[in-house]
């Protein structure tokens, strides 16, 4: 009776090891199968305004860079710089009061 328990334990461990290796092999096999035959799982839908556009058609493109000479753009940049300077000036007010 005492020799049966270790044998059952070893058989159970062998069964679990074989089962785990089988699951790992099947997982690797299915991953390799998917990589050899890729499937687009998230197909891109076309924007409704681009439905009639064919490959190779010319499109209008507008590019903006930092050197854009618009007075509104310059005024906005100046205002941002002014606010950053005001924020830096407000840091040394000493408005925290500590009472003991």
N, C-alpha and C. Protein backbone atom coordinates (compact mmCIF):
# COMPACT_ATOMS: atom_id res chain seq x y z
N UNK A 1 0.83 -1.20 0.00
CA UNK A 1 0.00 0.00 0.00
C UNK A 1 0.87 1.25 0.00
N UNK A 2 1.96 1.24 0.70
CA UNK A 2 2.81 2.42 0.78
C UNK A 2 3.58 2.63 -0.51
N UNK A 3 3.78 1.61 -1.33
CA UNK A 3 4.51 1.76 -2.59
C UNK A 3 3.59 2.28 -3.69
N UNK A 4 2.31 2.18 -3.51
CA UNK A 4 1.35 2.59 -4.54
C UNK A 4 1.26 4.13 -4.61
N UNK A 5 1.29 4.81 -3.48
CA UNK A 5 1.14 6.27 -3.46
C UNK A 5 2.27 6.98 -4.22
N UNK A 6 3.54 6.63 -4.01
CA UNK A 6 4.59 7.31 -4.79
C UNK A 6 4.49 7.01 -6.29
N UNK A 7 4.08 5.80 -6.63
CA UNK A 7 3.93 5.46 -8.05
C UNK A 7 2.78 6.27 -8.66
N UNK A 8 1.66 6.38 -7.93
CA UNK A 8 0.54 7.18 -8.42
C UNK A 8 0.94 8.65 -8.55
N UNK A 9 1.71 9.13 -7.58
CA UNK A 9 2.19 10.52 -7.61
C UNK A 9 3.08 10.75 -8.84
N UNK A 10 4.00 9.84 -9.12
CA UNK A 10 4.88 9.98 -10.28
C UNK A 10 4.10 9.87 -11.59
N UNK A 11 3.11 8.98 -11.65
CA UNK A 11 2.28 8.88 -12.85
C UNK A 11 1.47 10.16 -13.07
N UNK A 12 0.96 10.70 -11.99
CA UNK A 12 0.20 11.95 -12.11
C UNK A 12 1.11 13.08 -12.58
N UNK A 13 2.33 13.16 -12.03
CA UNK A 13 3.27 14.20 -12.47
C UNK A 13 3.65 14.02 -13.93
N UNK A 14 3.86 12.78 -14.36
CA UNK A 14 4.18 12.50 -15.76
C UNK A 14 3.01 12.90 -16.66
N UNK A 15 1.78 12.57 -16.23
CA UNK A 15 0.60 12.95 -17.01
C UNK A 15 0.49 14.48 -17.13
N UNK A 16 0.69 15.20 -16.02
CA UNK A 16 0.61 16.67 -16.07
C UNK A 16 1.71 17.27 -16.93
N UNK A 17 2.91 16.71 -16.87
CA UNK A 17 4.01 17.21 -17.69
C UNK A 17 3.72 17.00 -19.17
N UNK A 18 3.23 15.83 -19.54
CA UNK A 18 2.90 15.54 -20.95
C UNK A 18 1.76 16.46 -21.40
N UNK A 19 0.76 16.67 -20.57
CA UNK A 19 -0.37 17.54 -20.91
C UNK A 19 0.11 18.98 -21.11
N UNK A 20 0.96 19.47 -20.22
CA UNK A 20 1.46 20.84 -20.34
C UNK A 20 2.29 21.00 -21.61
N UNK A 21 3.17 20.05 -21.89
CA UNK A 21 3.98 20.13 -23.11
C UNK A 21 3.12 20.05 -24.37
N UNK A 22 2.05 19.25 -24.31
CA UNK A 22 1.13 19.16 -25.45
C UNK A 22 0.43 20.49 -25.69
N UNK A 23 -0.04 21.13 -24.63
CA UNK A 23 -0.70 22.44 -24.78
C UNK A 23 0.27 23.48 -25.34
N UNK A 24 1.52 23.47 -24.84
CA UNK A 24 2.51 24.43 -25.35
C UNK A 24 2.80 24.17 -26.82
N UNK A 25 2.94 22.89 -27.22
CA UNK A 25 3.23 22.57 -28.61
C UNK A 25 2.07 23.00 -29.51
N UNK A 26 0.84 22.75 -29.08
CA UNK A 26 -0.32 23.16 -29.88
C UNK A 26 -0.40 24.68 -30.01
N UNK A 27 -0.06 25.41 -28.95
CA UNK A 27 -0.08 26.86 -29.00
C UNK A 27 0.96 27.38 -29.99
N UNK A 28 2.19 26.86 -29.93
CA UNK A 28 3.24 27.28 -30.86
C UNK A 28 2.86 26.90 -32.28
N UNK A 29 2.29 25.73 -32.47
CA UNK A 29 1.87 25.29 -33.80
C UNK A 29 0.79 26.22 -34.37
N UNK A 30 -0.19 26.60 -33.56
CA UNK A 30 -1.25 27.48 -34.06
C UNK A 30 -0.72 28.89 -34.34
N UNK A 31 0.23 29.37 -33.54
CA UNK A 31 0.83 30.68 -33.80
C UNK A 31 1.60 30.65 -35.11
N UNK A 32 2.39 29.60 -35.34
CA UNK A 32 3.12 29.49 -36.59
C UNK A 32 2.18 29.38 -37.78
N UNK A 33 1.08 28.68 -37.61
CA UNK A 33 0.10 28.55 -38.68
C UNK A 33 -0.51 29.91 -39.02
N UNK A 34 -0.82 30.73 -37.98
CA UNK A 34 -1.38 32.06 -38.22
C UNK A 34 -0.36 32.98 -38.88
N UNK A 35 0.92 32.86 -38.51
CA UNK A 35 1.94 33.72 -39.10
C UNK A 35 2.19 33.37 -40.56
N UNK A 36 2.03 32.11 -40.92
CA UNK A 36 2.22 31.73 -42.32
C UNK A 36 1.02 32.11 -43.17
N UNK A 37 -0.14 32.20 -42.58
CA UNK A 37 -1.35 32.62 -43.29
C UNK A 37 -2.00 33.76 -42.53
N UNK A 38 -1.42 34.96 -42.62
CA UNK A 38 -1.97 36.06 -41.81
C UNK A 38 -3.38 36.44 -42.25
N UNK A 39 -4.19 36.72 -41.26
CA UNK A 39 -5.56 37.15 -41.49
C UNK A 39 -5.73 38.51 -40.85
N UNK A 40 -6.27 39.46 -41.59
CA UNK A 40 -6.49 40.79 -41.04
C UNK A 40 -7.67 40.72 -40.10
N UNK A 41 -7.40 40.80 -38.80
CA UNK A 41 -8.48 40.68 -37.82
C UNK A 41 -9.21 41.99 -37.61
N UNK A 42 -8.64 43.10 -38.09
CA UNK A 42 -9.28 44.41 -37.92
C UNK A 42 -9.23 45.13 -39.26
N UNK A 43 -10.09 44.76 -40.20
CA UNK A 43 -10.03 45.41 -41.50
C UNK A 43 -10.36 46.89 -41.39
N UNK A 44 -9.62 47.68 -42.14
CA UNK A 44 -9.84 49.13 -42.11
C UNK A 44 -11.02 49.50 -42.98
N UNK A 45 -11.95 50.21 -42.40
CA UNK A 45 -13.07 50.69 -43.18
C UNK A 45 -12.68 52.05 -43.76
N UNK A 46 -13.13 52.30 -44.95
CA UNK A 46 -12.80 53.55 -45.61
C UNK A 46 -13.71 54.66 -45.11
N UNK A 47 -13.14 55.84 -45.06
CA UNK A 47 -13.93 57.01 -44.67
C UNK A 47 -15.00 57.24 -45.72
N UNK A 48 -16.20 57.65 -45.34
CA UNK A 48 -17.28 57.82 -46.32
C UNK A 48 -16.93 58.78 -47.45
N UNK A 49 -16.12 59.80 -47.17
CA UNK A 49 -15.76 60.74 -48.23
C UNK A 49 -14.69 60.19 -49.16
N UNK A 50 -14.07 59.06 -48.78
CA UNK A 50 -13.01 58.47 -49.61
C UNK A 50 -13.49 57.25 -50.39
N UNK A 51 -14.79 57.00 -50.43
CA UNK A 51 -15.31 55.81 -51.09
C UNK A 51 -15.01 55.80 -52.58
N UNK A 52 -15.09 56.97 -53.25
CA UNK A 52 -14.92 57.02 -54.70
C UNK A 52 -13.49 57.33 -55.12
N UNK A 53 -12.57 57.45 -54.19
CA UNK A 53 -11.18 57.74 -54.51
C UNK A 53 -10.47 56.44 -54.84
N UNK A 54 -9.78 56.43 -55.98
CA UNK A 54 -9.06 55.23 -56.40
C UNK A 54 -7.58 55.40 -56.12
N UNK A 55 -6.87 54.29 -56.09
CA UNK A 55 -5.43 54.31 -55.85
C UNK A 55 -4.74 55.08 -56.98
N UNK A 56 -3.91 56.04 -56.62
CA UNK A 56 -3.19 56.83 -57.60
C UNK A 56 -3.82 58.18 -57.88
N UNK A 57 -5.02 58.44 -57.39
CA UNK A 57 -5.65 59.75 -57.57
C UNK A 57 -4.88 60.79 -56.77
N UNK A 58 -4.75 61.99 -57.35
CA UNK A 58 -4.07 63.07 -56.65
C UNK A 58 -5.01 63.70 -55.63
N UNK A 59 -4.47 64.00 -54.46
CA UNK A 59 -5.26 64.61 -53.39
C UNK A 59 -4.63 65.94 -53.00
N UNK A 60 -5.44 66.84 -52.49
CA UNK A 60 -4.96 68.12 -52.02
C UNK A 60 -4.42 67.94 -50.60
N UNK A 61 -3.20 68.42 -50.38
CA UNK A 61 -2.55 68.27 -49.09
C UNK A 61 -2.13 69.64 -48.59
N UNK A 62 -2.38 69.92 -47.31
CA UNK A 62 -1.93 71.17 -46.69
C UNK A 62 -0.99 70.81 -45.56
N UNK A 63 0.23 71.35 -45.60
CA UNK A 63 1.22 71.09 -44.55
C UNK A 63 1.54 72.39 -43.86
N UNK A 64 1.56 72.36 -42.53
CA UNK A 64 1.90 73.53 -41.73
C UNK A 64 3.15 73.21 -40.95
N UNK A 65 4.08 74.16 -40.90
CA UNK A 65 5.28 73.96 -40.12
C UNK A 65 5.44 75.11 -39.14
N UNK A 66 6.52 75.11 -38.38
CA UNK A 66 6.72 76.13 -37.36
C UNK A 66 7.03 77.50 -37.94
N UNK A 67 7.42 77.57 -39.19
CA UNK A 67 7.78 78.85 -39.81
C UNK A 67 6.59 79.49 -40.52
N UNK A 68 5.40 79.12 -40.12
CA UNK A 68 4.20 79.64 -40.75
C UNK A 68 4.05 81.12 -40.38
N UNK A 69 4.04 82.01 -41.34
CA UNK A 69 4.05 83.47 -41.11
C UNK A 69 2.63 84.02 -41.08
N UNK A 70 1.87 83.61 -40.13
CA UNK A 70 0.51 84.13 -39.96
C UNK A 70 0.50 85.03 -38.73
N UNK A 71 -0.08 86.23 -38.83
CA UNK A 71 -0.09 87.13 -37.67
C UNK A 71 -0.83 86.52 -36.46
N UNK A 72 -1.87 85.76 -36.70
CA UNK A 72 -2.60 85.13 -35.60
C UNK A 72 -1.73 84.08 -34.92
N UNK A 73 -0.97 83.34 -35.71
CA UNK A 73 -0.07 82.33 -35.17
C UNK A 73 1.01 82.99 -34.33
N UNK A 74 1.55 84.09 -34.81
CA UNK A 74 2.59 84.82 -34.08
C UNK A 74 2.02 85.41 -32.79
N UNK A 75 0.80 85.98 -32.86
CA UNK A 75 0.17 86.56 -31.67
C UNK A 75 -0.11 85.47 -30.62
N UNK A 76 -0.51 84.31 -31.07
CA UNK A 76 -0.76 83.22 -30.15
C UNK A 76 0.54 82.79 -29.46
N UNK A 77 1.63 82.69 -30.22
CA UNK A 77 2.91 82.33 -29.64
C UNK A 77 3.39 83.38 -28.64
N UNK A 78 3.18 84.67 -28.97
CA UNK A 78 3.56 85.73 -28.04
C UNK A 78 2.75 85.65 -26.75
N UNK A 79 1.47 85.37 -26.86
CA UNK A 79 0.61 85.28 -25.68
C UNK A 79 1.02 84.09 -24.81
N UNK A 80 1.37 82.97 -25.42
CA UNK A 80 1.82 81.81 -24.65
C UNK A 80 3.10 82.14 -23.90
N UNK A 81 4.04 82.81 -24.57
CA UNK A 81 5.28 83.20 -23.92
C UNK A 81 5.02 84.17 -22.76
N UNK A 82 4.08 85.10 -22.96
CA UNK A 82 3.75 86.07 -21.91
C UNK A 82 3.16 85.37 -20.69
N UNK A 83 2.27 84.40 -20.93
CA UNK A 83 1.67 83.67 -19.82
C UNK A 83 2.71 82.83 -19.08
N UNK A 84 3.67 82.27 -19.81
CA UNK A 84 4.73 81.49 -19.15
C UNK A 84 5.61 82.39 -18.28
N UNK A 85 5.87 83.61 -18.75
CA UNK A 85 6.67 84.55 -17.96
C UNK A 85 5.91 84.98 -16.70
N UNK A 86 4.59 85.21 -16.83
CA UNK A 86 3.78 85.58 -15.67
C UNK A 86 3.75 84.43 -14.65
N UNK A 87 3.70 83.23 -15.14
CA UNK A 87 3.68 82.07 -14.25
C UNK A 87 5.00 81.96 -13.50
N UNK A 88 6.11 82.24 -14.18
CA UNK A 88 7.41 82.20 -13.52
C UNK A 88 7.54 83.30 -12.47
N UNK A 89 6.96 84.48 -12.73
CA UNK A 89 7.04 85.59 -11.79
C UNK A 89 6.22 85.33 -10.53
N UNK A 90 5.14 84.57 -10.64
CA UNK A 90 4.25 84.34 -9.51
C UNK A 90 4.80 83.32 -8.52
N UNK A 91 5.86 82.64 -8.83
CA UNK A 91 6.35 81.58 -7.96
C UNK A 91 6.99 82.09 -6.67
N UNK A 92 7.50 83.33 -6.63
CA UNK A 92 8.22 83.82 -5.47
C UNK A 92 7.39 84.78 -4.61
N UNK A 93 6.09 84.57 -4.52
CA UNK A 93 5.23 85.47 -3.76
C UNK A 93 5.38 85.26 -2.26
N UNK A 94 5.69 84.09 -1.82
CA UNK A 94 5.78 83.82 -0.40
C UNK A 94 4.43 83.85 0.27
N UNK A 95 3.40 83.36 -0.38
CA UNK A 95 2.05 83.44 0.14
C UNK A 95 1.70 82.29 1.09
N UNK A 96 2.63 81.43 1.40
CA UNK A 96 2.36 80.33 2.32
C UNK A 96 2.68 80.79 3.73
N UNK A 97 1.71 80.70 4.62
CA UNK A 97 1.88 81.12 6.00
C UNK A 97 1.94 79.86 6.87
N UNK A 98 2.99 79.78 7.67
CA UNK A 98 3.14 78.62 8.55
C UNK A 98 3.04 79.13 9.98
N UNK A 99 2.12 78.56 10.73
CA UNK A 99 1.95 78.94 12.14
C UNK A 99 2.16 77.72 12.99
N UNK A 100 2.84 77.94 14.07
CA UNK A 100 3.12 76.80 14.97
C UNK A 100 2.38 77.03 16.28
